[in-house]
Amino acid sequence: MSQVETIAAQLKRAVYRDARHGPSVLENLEGVTAKQAINKPIPNAHSIWEITLHITAWFRIVAQRLEGEDPEVTREIDWPAIEDPSAKAWIAAVADIKRAYKEYQKVVDKTMDNELFVELPGRGFDLYHLYHGMVQHCTYHAGQIAVLKKAQE
């Protein structure tokens, strides 16, 4: 297995299942209702829904950067607003995080191992650190989602 494939497998575990740290992002989202997703049981913390939109946004931001674009990341892009608090919109948000992950993964799959340690222009880091950062980002937010769910029990 190549290094890129190994990193991709770690991200898949952090997003889908079989993560070593505990429940993955999507495992934590299983069974969450729109009401639970939008609830803020911890003052000044983001909701499960907001975190879901944030993870989705970063899959797309990083995929765009890997494709040579450089989107400006405003607060509204980083933490998108919940425009429709309905159950249907929540189901769509969960479907969208899966779609964004798959879009991101397609871009990562184009990476060759010899490209991992080449510094990204204007970034001060390489793809190796970027890809591991995405794994860490998902792991961190999976933990947040777990705490928010537990706070609502």
N, C-alpha and C. Protein backbone atom coordinates (compact mmCIF):
# COMPACT_ATOMS: atom_id res chain seq x y z
N MET A 1 0.86 -1.18 0.00
CA MET A 1 0.00 0.00 0.00
C MET A 1 0.90 1.24 0.00
N SER A 2 0.59 2.18 -0.87
CA SER A 2 1.37 3.42 -0.94
C SER A 2 1.06 4.31 0.27
N GLN A 3 1.89 5.33 0.47
CA GLN A 3 1.64 6.26 1.57
C GLN A 3 0.32 7.00 1.36
N VAL A 4 0.06 7.40 0.12
CA VAL A 4 -1.20 8.10 -0.16
C VAL A 4 -2.39 7.19 0.16
N GLU A 5 -2.30 5.94 -0.23
CA GLU A 5 -3.39 5.00 0.06
C GLU A 5 -3.56 4.79 1.56
N THR A 6 -2.46 4.78 2.30
CA THR A 6 -2.52 4.61 3.75
C THR A 6 -3.20 5.81 4.40
N ILE A 7 -2.83 7.00 3.99
CA ILE A 7 -3.45 8.21 4.54
C ILE A 7 -4.94 8.25 4.17
N ALA A 8 -5.25 7.89 2.92
CA ALA A 8 -6.65 7.88 2.48
C ALA A 8 -7.46 6.88 3.29
N ALA A 9 -6.87 5.75 3.61
CA ALA A 9 -7.56 4.74 4.44
C ALA A 9 -7.83 5.28 5.84
N GLN A 10 -6.88 6.04 6.39
CA GLN A 10 -7.08 6.63 7.71
C GLN A 10 -8.22 7.64 7.69
N LEU A 11 -8.28 8.45 6.63
CA LEU A 11 -9.37 9.41 6.53
C LEU A 11 -10.72 8.70 6.39
N LYS A 12 -10.75 7.65 5.59
CA LYS A 12 -11.99 6.89 5.44
C LYS A 12 -12.46 6.35 6.78
N ARG A 13 -11.54 5.87 7.59
CA ARG A 13 -11.90 5.38 8.93
C ARG A 13 -12.43 6.52 9.80
N ALA A 14 -11.79 7.68 9.73
CA ALA A 14 -12.23 8.82 10.54
C ALA A 14 -13.60 9.32 10.13
N VAL A 15 -13.94 9.16 8.85
CA VAL A 15 -15.23 9.64 8.34
C VAL A 15 -16.30 8.56 8.43
N TYR A 16 -15.99 7.34 8.01
CA TYR A 16 -17.01 6.29 7.90
C TYR A 16 -17.10 5.35 9.10
N ARG A 17 -16.08 4.56 9.35
CA ARG A 17 -16.12 3.63 10.48
C ARG A 17 -14.78 2.95 10.68
N ASP A 18 -14.69 2.24 11.78
CA ASP A 18 -13.48 1.51 12.16
C ASP A 18 -12.32 2.41 12.54
N ALA A 19 -12.62 3.62 13.01
CA ALA A 19 -11.58 4.52 13.48
C ALA A 19 -11.06 4.02 14.83
N ARG A 20 -9.80 4.13 15.05
CA ARG A 20 -9.19 3.68 16.31
C ARG A 20 -9.61 4.55 17.48
N HIS A 21 -9.85 5.83 17.23
CA HIS A 21 -10.17 6.77 18.31
C HIS A 21 -11.56 6.58 18.89
N GLY A 22 -12.43 5.92 18.16
CA GLY A 22 -13.82 5.77 18.59
C GLY A 22 -14.73 5.96 17.40
N PRO A 23 -15.98 6.32 17.64
CA PRO A 23 -16.92 6.48 16.53
C PRO A 23 -16.44 7.54 15.53
N SER A 24 -16.61 7.23 14.26
CA SER A 24 -16.25 8.15 13.19
C SER A 24 -17.28 9.28 13.10
N VAL A 25 -17.02 10.22 12.21
CA VAL A 25 -17.96 11.32 11.99
C VAL A 25 -19.34 10.76 11.66
N LEU A 26 -19.42 9.90 10.64
CA LEU A 26 -20.73 9.40 10.22
C LEU A 26 -21.36 8.45 11.23
N GLU A 27 -20.55 7.69 11.95
CA GLU A 27 -21.12 6.85 13.02
C GLU A 27 -21.75 7.74 14.08
N ASN A 28 -21.12 8.86 14.40
CA ASN A 28 -21.68 9.78 15.38
C ASN A 28 -22.95 10.46 14.87
N LEU A 29 -23.07 10.62 13.55
CA LEU A 29 -24.26 11.26 12.99
C LEU A 29 -25.44 10.31 12.85
N GLU A 30 -25.18 9.00 12.91
CA GLU A 30 -26.26 8.02 12.77
C GLU A 30 -27.33 8.25 13.84
N GLY A 31 -28.57 8.34 13.40
CA GLY A 31 -29.69 8.48 14.32
C GLY A 31 -29.91 9.88 14.86
N VAL A 32 -29.07 10.83 14.51
CA VAL A 32 -29.24 12.20 14.98
C VAL A 32 -30.38 12.84 14.19
N THR A 33 -31.33 13.39 14.91
CA THR A 33 -32.46 14.08 14.27
C THR A 33 -32.09 15.52 13.96
N ALA A 34 -32.88 16.16 13.14
CA ALA A 34 -32.65 17.58 12.83
C ALA A 34 -32.70 18.41 14.11
N LYS A 35 -33.63 18.08 14.99
CA LYS A 35 -33.76 18.81 16.27
C LYS A 35 -32.48 18.67 17.11
N GLN A 36 -31.95 17.46 17.18
CA GLN A 36 -30.71 17.25 17.93
C GLN A 36 -29.54 17.94 17.22
N ALA A 37 -29.52 17.88 15.89
CA ALA A 37 -28.42 18.44 15.13
C ALA A 37 -28.32 19.95 15.28
N ILE A 38 -29.46 20.62 15.39
CA ILE A 38 -29.45 22.08 15.47
C ILE A 38 -29.33 22.58 16.91
N ASN A 39 -29.61 21.71 17.87
CA ASN A 39 -29.56 22.07 19.28
C ASN A 39 -28.14 22.45 19.70
N LYS A 40 -28.04 23.39 20.64
CA LYS A 40 -26.74 23.81 21.19
C LYS A 40 -26.75 23.58 22.69
N PRO A 41 -26.49 22.33 23.11
CA PRO A 41 -26.54 22.02 24.53
C PRO A 41 -25.38 22.59 25.34
N ILE A 42 -24.34 23.02 24.66
CA ILE A 42 -23.18 23.63 25.33
C ILE A 42 -23.11 25.08 24.88
N PRO A 43 -23.24 26.03 25.81
CA PRO A 43 -23.21 27.44 25.44
C PRO A 43 -21.93 27.80 24.67
N ASN A 44 -22.10 28.62 23.65
CA ASN A 44 -21.01 29.13 22.81
C ASN A 44 -20.31 28.05 21.99
N ALA A 45 -20.85 26.86 21.93
CA ALA A 45 -20.29 25.80 21.09
C ALA A 45 -21.11 25.70 19.81
N HIS A 46 -20.49 25.17 18.78
CA HIS A 46 -21.22 24.93 17.53
C HIS A 46 -22.16 23.75 17.73
N SER A 47 -23.19 23.70 16.91
CA SER A 47 -24.11 22.57 16.92
C SER A 47 -23.56 21.44 16.05
N ILE A 48 -24.15 20.27 16.18
CA ILE A 48 -23.77 19.13 15.34
C ILE A 48 -23.96 19.50 13.87
N TRP A 49 -25.03 20.17 13.57
CA TRP A 49 -25.32 20.55 12.18
C TRP A 49 -24.24 21.51 11.66
N GLU A 50 -23.89 22.50 12.47
CA GLU A 50 -22.86 23.46 12.06
C GLU A 50 -21.52 22.75 11.82
N ILE A 51 -21.19 21.82 12.69
CA ILE A 51 -19.94 21.06 12.53
C ILE A 51 -19.99 20.23 11.25
N THR A 52 -21.12 19.64 10.98
CA THR A 52 -21.29 18.84 9.75
C THR A 52 -21.07 19.71 8.52
N LEU A 53 -21.66 20.89 8.49
CA LEU A 53 -21.48 21.81 7.37
C LEU A 53 -20.03 22.27 7.26
N HIS A 54 -19.38 22.47 8.39
CA HIS A 54 -17.98 22.90 8.43
C HIS A 54 -17.06 21.82 7.85
N ILE A 55 -17.24 20.59 8.25
CA ILE A 55 -16.43 19.50 7.70
C ILE A 55 -16.65 19.40 6.19
N THR A 56 -17.89 19.47 5.78
CA THR A 56 -18.23 19.43 4.35
C THR A 56 -17.51 20.55 3.61
N ALA A 57 -17.56 21.75 4.16
CA ALA A 57 -16.91 22.90 3.54
C ALA A 57 -15.42 22.65 3.34
N TRP A 58 -14.77 22.08 4.37
CA TRP A 58 -13.33 21.89 4.27
C TRP A 58 -12.95 20.78 3.30
N PHE A 59 -13.78 19.77 3.13
CA PHE A 59 -13.50 18.80 2.07
C PHE A 59 -13.47 19.53 0.73
N ARG A 60 -14.41 20.41 0.52
CA ARG A 60 -14.49 21.13 -0.76
C ARG A 60 -13.39 22.17 -0.90
N ILE A 61 -13.08 22.90 0.16
CA ILE A 61 -12.02 23.90 0.10
C ILE A 61 -10.69 23.25 -0.26
N VAL A 62 -10.35 22.18 0.44
CA VAL A 62 -9.07 21.51 0.19
C VAL A 62 -9.06 20.88 -1.20
N ALA A 63 -10.16 20.28 -1.63
CA ALA A 63 -10.23 19.70 -2.98
C ALA A 63 -10.00 20.80 -4.02
N GLN A 64 -10.61 21.96 -3.82
CA GLN A 64 -10.41 23.07 -4.76
C GLN A 64 -8.94 23.50 -4.78
N ARG A 65 -8.33 23.58 -3.62
CA ARG A 65 -6.92 23.96 -3.56
C ARG A 65 -6.04 22.93 -4.25
N LEU A 66 -6.35 21.68 -4.08
CA LEU A 66 -5.56 20.62 -4.72
C LEU A 66 -5.72 20.66 -6.24
N GLU A 67 -6.84 21.19 -6.71
CA GLU A 67 -7.08 21.31 -8.15
C GLU A 67 -6.55 22.63 -8.71
N GLY A 68 -5.82 23.39 -7.87
CA GLY A 68 -5.18 24.61 -8.36
C GLY A 68 -5.94 25.90 -8.10
N GLU A 69 -7.11 25.80 -7.51
CA GLU A 69 -7.87 27.01 -7.16
C GLU A 69 -7.41 27.49 -5.79
N ASP A 70 -7.74 28.73 -5.46
CA ASP A 70 -7.39 29.26 -4.14
C ASP A 70 -8.58 30.04 -3.59
N PRO A 71 -9.61 29.32 -3.16
CA PRO A 71 -10.80 30.02 -2.67
C PRO A 71 -10.51 30.81 -1.39
N GLU A 72 -11.09 31.99 -1.33
CA GLU A 72 -10.98 32.78 -0.10
C GLU A 72 -11.88 32.12 0.94
N VAL A 73 -11.35 31.89 2.12
CA VAL A 73 -12.13 31.22 3.16
C VAL A 73 -12.61 32.28 4.15
N THR A 74 -13.83 32.73 3.92
CA THR A 74 -14.46 33.68 4.83
C THR A 74 -15.10 32.91 5.98
N ARG A 75 -15.53 33.60 6.98
CA ARG A 75 -16.22 32.96 8.11
C ARG A 75 -17.48 32.24 7.60
N GLU A 76 -18.15 32.83 6.63
CA GLU A 76 -19.39 32.24 6.09
C GLU A 76 -19.10 30.94 5.32
N ILE A 77 -17.95 30.85 4.72
CA ILE A 77 -17.57 29.63 4.00
C ILE A 77 -17.04 28.60 5.00
N ASP A 78 -16.25 29.05 5.97
CA ASP A 78 -15.68 28.17 6.98
C ASP A 78 -16.76 27.53 7.86
N TRP A 79 -17.72 28.34 8.28
CA TRP A 79 -18.81 27.87 9.13
C TRP A 79 -20.14 28.28 8.49
N PRO A 80 -20.59 27.54 7.48
CA PRO A 80 -21.82 27.91 6.78
C PRO A 80 -23.03 27.96 7.72
N ALA A 81 -23.93 28.88 7.40
CA ALA A 81 -25.16 29.01 8.18
C ALA A 81 -26.14 27.90 7.81
N ILE A 82 -26.95 27.55 8.76
CA ILE A 82 -28.03 26.60 8.52
C ILE A 82 -29.18 27.42 7.94
N GLU A 83 -29.45 27.22 6.67
CA GLU A 83 -30.47 28.03 6.00
C GLU A 83 -31.87 27.47 6.15
N ASP A 84 -31.98 26.17 6.29
CA ASP A 84 -33.28 25.51 6.40
C ASP A 84 -33.18 24.47 7.52
N PRO A 85 -33.82 24.71 8.67
CA PRO A 85 -33.69 23.79 9.80
C PRO A 85 -34.63 22.57 9.75
N SER A 86 -35.11 22.21 8.59
CA SER A 86 -36.05 21.10 8.48
C SER A 86 -35.35 19.74 8.52
N ALA A 87 -36.13 18.71 8.79
CA ALA A 87 -35.61 17.34 8.80
C ALA A 87 -35.07 16.97 7.41
N LYS A 88 -35.76 17.41 6.37
CA LYS A 88 -35.32 17.12 5.00
C LYS A 88 -33.95 17.76 4.73
N ALA A 89 -33.74 18.98 5.20
CA ALA A 89 -32.47 19.67 5.00
C ALA A 89 -31.35 18.99 5.79
N TRP A 90 -31.67 18.46 6.97
CA TRP A 90 -30.67 17.74 7.76
C TRP A 90 -30.24 16.47 7.02
N ILE A 91 -31.19 15.74 6.49
CA ILE A 91 -30.87 14.53 5.73
C ILE A 91 -29.99 14.90 4.53
N ALA A 92 -30.30 16.01 3.90
CA ALA A 92 -29.50 16.49 2.76
C ALA A 92 -28.08 16.87 3.21
N ALA A 93 -27.95 17.46 4.38
CA ALA A 93 -26.63 17.85 4.89
C ALA A 93 -25.76 16.63 5.14
N VAL A 94 -26.35 15.58 5.68
CA VAL A 94 -25.60 14.34 5.92
C VAL A 94 -25.21 13.69 4.58
N ALA A 95 -26.11 13.71 3.62
CA ALA A 95 -25.79 13.18 2.29
C ALA A 95 -24.69 14.02 1.64
N ASP A 96 -24.70 15.32 1.88
CA ASP A 96 -23.71 16.21 1.26
C ASP A 96 -22.31 16.00 1.84
N ILE A 97 -22.21 15.71 3.13
CA ILE A 97 -20.88 15.46 3.69
C ILE A 97 -20.27 14.21 3.05
N LYS A 98 -21.11 13.21 2.79
CA LYS A 98 -20.63 11.99 2.12
C LYS A 98 -20.18 12.30 0.70
N ARG A 99 -20.96 13.12 0.01
CA ARG A 99 -20.62 13.51 -1.36
C ARG A 99 -19.32 14.32 -1.40
N ALA A 100 -19.18 15.26 -0.47
CA ALA A 100 -17.98 16.10 -0.42
C ALA A 100 -16.74 15.26 -0.11
N TYR A 101 -16.88 14.29 0.79
CA TYR A 101 -15.77 13.39 1.09
C TYR A 101 -15.34 12.64 -0.17
N LYS A 102 -16.30 12.12 -0.91
CA LYS A 102 -15.98 11.36 -2.13
C LYS A 102 -15.31 12.24 -3.17
N GLU A 103 -15.76 13.50 -3.30
CA GLU A 103 -15.14 14.45 -4.22
C GLU A 103 -13.69 14.71 -3.81
N TYR A 104 -13.48 14.93 -2.52
CA TYR A 104 -12.14 15.16 -1.99
C TYR A 104 -11.26 13.94 -2.25
N GLN A 105 -11.78 12.76 -1.98
CA GLN A 105 -11.00 11.54 -2.13
C GLN A 105 -10.57 11.32 -3.57
N LYS A 106 -11.41 11.68 -4.52
CA LYS A 106 -11.04 11.55 -5.94
C LYS A 106 -9.81 12.39 -6.27
N VAL A 107 -9.72 13.57 -5.67
CA VAL A 107 -8.57 14.44 -5.90
C VAL A 107 -7.33 13.84 -5.23
N VAL A 108 -7.48 13.36 -4.01
CA VAL A 108 -6.36 12.74 -3.30
C VAL A 108 -5.84 11.53 -4.06
N ASP A 109 -6.74 10.75 -4.62
CA ASP A 109 -6.36 9.54 -5.35
C ASP A 109 -5.43 9.82 -6.53
N LYS A 110 -5.42 11.04 -7.02
CA LYS A 110 -4.54 11.42 -8.13
C LYS A 110 -3.10 11.67 -7.67
N THR A 111 -2.90 11.73 -6.36
CA THR A 111 -1.59 12.05 -5.81
C THR A 111 -0.66 10.85 -5.85
N MET A 112 0.57 11.09 -6.25
CA MET A 112 1.61 10.06 -6.24
C MET A 112 2.45 10.26 -4.97
N ASP A 113 2.99 9.18 -4.44
CA ASP A 113 3.78 9.27 -3.22
C ASP A 113 4.92 10.29 -3.33
N ASN A 114 5.53 10.40 -4.49
CA ASN A 114 6.67 11.32 -4.63
C ASN A 114 6.24 12.79 -4.59
N GLU A 115 4.94 13.07 -4.59
CA GLU A 115 4.43 14.44 -4.49
C GLU A 115 4.14 14.85 -3.04
N LEU A 116 4.13 13.89 -2.14
CA LEU A 116 3.70 14.16 -0.76
C LEU A 116 4.56 15.18 -0.03
N PHE A 117 5.86 15.20 -0.29
CA PHE A 117 6.76 16.03 0.50
C PHE A 117 7.25 17.27 -0.23
N VAL A 118 6.55 17.64 -1.28
CA VAL A 118 6.85 18.87 -2.00
C VAL A 118 6.02 19.98 -1.37
N GLU A 119 6.70 21.05 -0.92
CA GLU A 119 5.97 22.14 -0.26
C GLU A 119 4.99 22.79 -1.22
N LEU A 120 3.81 23.03 -0.72
CA LEU A 120 2.77 23.67 -1.53
C LEU A 120 3.09 25.17 -1.64
N PRO A 121 3.05 25.71 -2.84
CA PRO A 121 3.38 27.12 -3.03
C PRO A 121 2.55 28.04 -2.14
N GLY A 122 3.24 28.90 -1.41
CA GLY A 122 2.58 29.89 -0.58
C GLY A 122 1.91 29.36 0.67
N ARG A 123 2.11 28.08 1.00
CA ARG A 123 1.42 27.48 2.14
C ARG A 123 2.35 27.18 3.32
N GLY A 124 3.61 26.86 3.04
CA GLY A 124 4.54 26.55 4.11
C GLY A 124 4.41 25.12 4.64
N PHE A 125 3.70 24.27 3.91
CA PHE A 125 3.59 22.86 4.28
C PHE A 125 3.39 22.05 3.02
N ASP A 126 3.48 20.74 3.16
CA ASP A 126 3.37 19.85 2.00
C ASP A 126 2.07 19.05 2.06
N LEU A 127 1.84 18.24 1.01
CA LEU A 127 0.62 17.44 0.95
C LEU A 127 0.54 16.43 2.08
N TYR A 128 1.67 15.88 2.48
CA TYR A 128 1.69 14.92 3.58
C TYR A 128 1.01 15.54 4.81
N HIS A 129 1.40 16.75 5.17
CA HIS A 129 0.83 17.41 6.34
C HIS A 129 -0.62 17.84 6.09
N LEU A 130 -0.91 18.25 4.87
CA LEU A 130 -2.29 18.62 4.54
C LEU A 130 -3.22 17.42 4.67
N TYR A 131 -2.82 16.30 4.09
CA TYR A 131 -3.67 15.10 4.14
C TYR A 131 -3.84 14.57 5.56
N HIS A 132 -2.76 14.54 6.31
CA HIS A 132 -2.88 14.13 7.71
C HIS A 132 -3.72 15.14 8.50
N GLY A 133 -3.61 16.40 8.14
CA GLY A 133 -4.41 17.43 8.80
C GLY A 133 -5.90 17.20 8.59
N MET A 134 -6.28 16.72 7.42
CA MET A 134 -7.68 16.42 7.17
C MET A 134 -8.16 15.25 8.03
N VAL A 135 -7.29 14.25 8.22
CA VAL A 135 -7.64 13.13 9.11
C VAL A 135 -7.84 13.67 10.53
N GLN A 136 -6.91 14.50 10.98
CA GLN A 136 -6.99 15.06 12.32
C GLN A 136 -8.23 15.95 12.47
N HIS A 137 -8.54 16.72 11.45
CA HIS A 137 -9.71 17.60 11.47
C HIS A 137 -10.98 16.79 11.67
N CYS A 138 -11.12 15.71 10.93
CA CYS A 138 -12.32 14.87 11.05
C CYS A 138 -12.37 14.17 12.41
N THR A 139 -11.23 13.72 12.88
CA THR A 139 -11.17 13.05 14.18
C THR A 139 -11.57 14.02 15.30
N TYR A 140 -11.05 15.22 15.25
CA TYR A 140 -11.37 16.25 16.23
C TYR A 140 -12.88 16.52 16.26
N HIS A 141 -13.45 16.74 15.08
CA HIS A 141 -14.87 17.06 15.02
C HIS A 141 -15.76 15.86 15.34
N ALA A 142 -15.29 14.65 15.05
CA ALA A 142 -16.05 13.46 15.47
C ALA A 142 -16.18 13.46 16.99
N GLY A 143 -15.12 13.82 17.68
CA GLY A 143 -15.16 13.91 19.14
C GLY A 143 -16.12 14.99 19.61
N GLN A 144 -16.12 16.12 18.95
CA GLN A 144 -17.05 17.18 19.31
C GLN A 144 -18.50 16.73 19.15
N ILE A 145 -18.77 16.06 18.04
CA ILE A 145 -20.12 15.58 17.79
C ILE A 145 -20.53 14.59 18.89
N ALA A 146 -19.62 13.71 19.27
CA ALA A 146 -19.91 12.74 20.33
C ALA A 146 -20.26 13.44 21.64
N VAL A 147 -19.52 14.49 21.97
CA VAL A 147 -19.78 15.22 23.22
C VAL A 147 -21.12 15.93 23.14
N LEU A 148 -21.42 16.53 22.00
CA LEU A 148 -22.71 17.22 21.84
C LEU A 148 -23.88 16.24 21.94
N LYS A 149 -23.71 15.05 21.38
CA LYS A 149 -24.77 14.04 21.51
C LYS A 149 -24.96 13.65 22.97
N LYS A 150 -23.86 13.40 23.65
CA LYS A 150 -23.93 12.99 25.06
C LYS A 150 -24.55 14.08 25.91
N ALA A 151 -24.27 15.34 25.60
CA ALA A 151 -24.83 16.47 26.36
C ALA A 151 -26.34 16.56 26.21
N GLN A 152 -26.88 15.93 25.18
CA GLN A 152 -28.33 15.98 24.94
C GLN A 152 -29.06 14.77 25.53
N GLU A 153 -28.34 13.83 26.10
CA GLU A 153 -28.99 12.63 26.66
C GLU A 153 -29.67 12.96 27.97
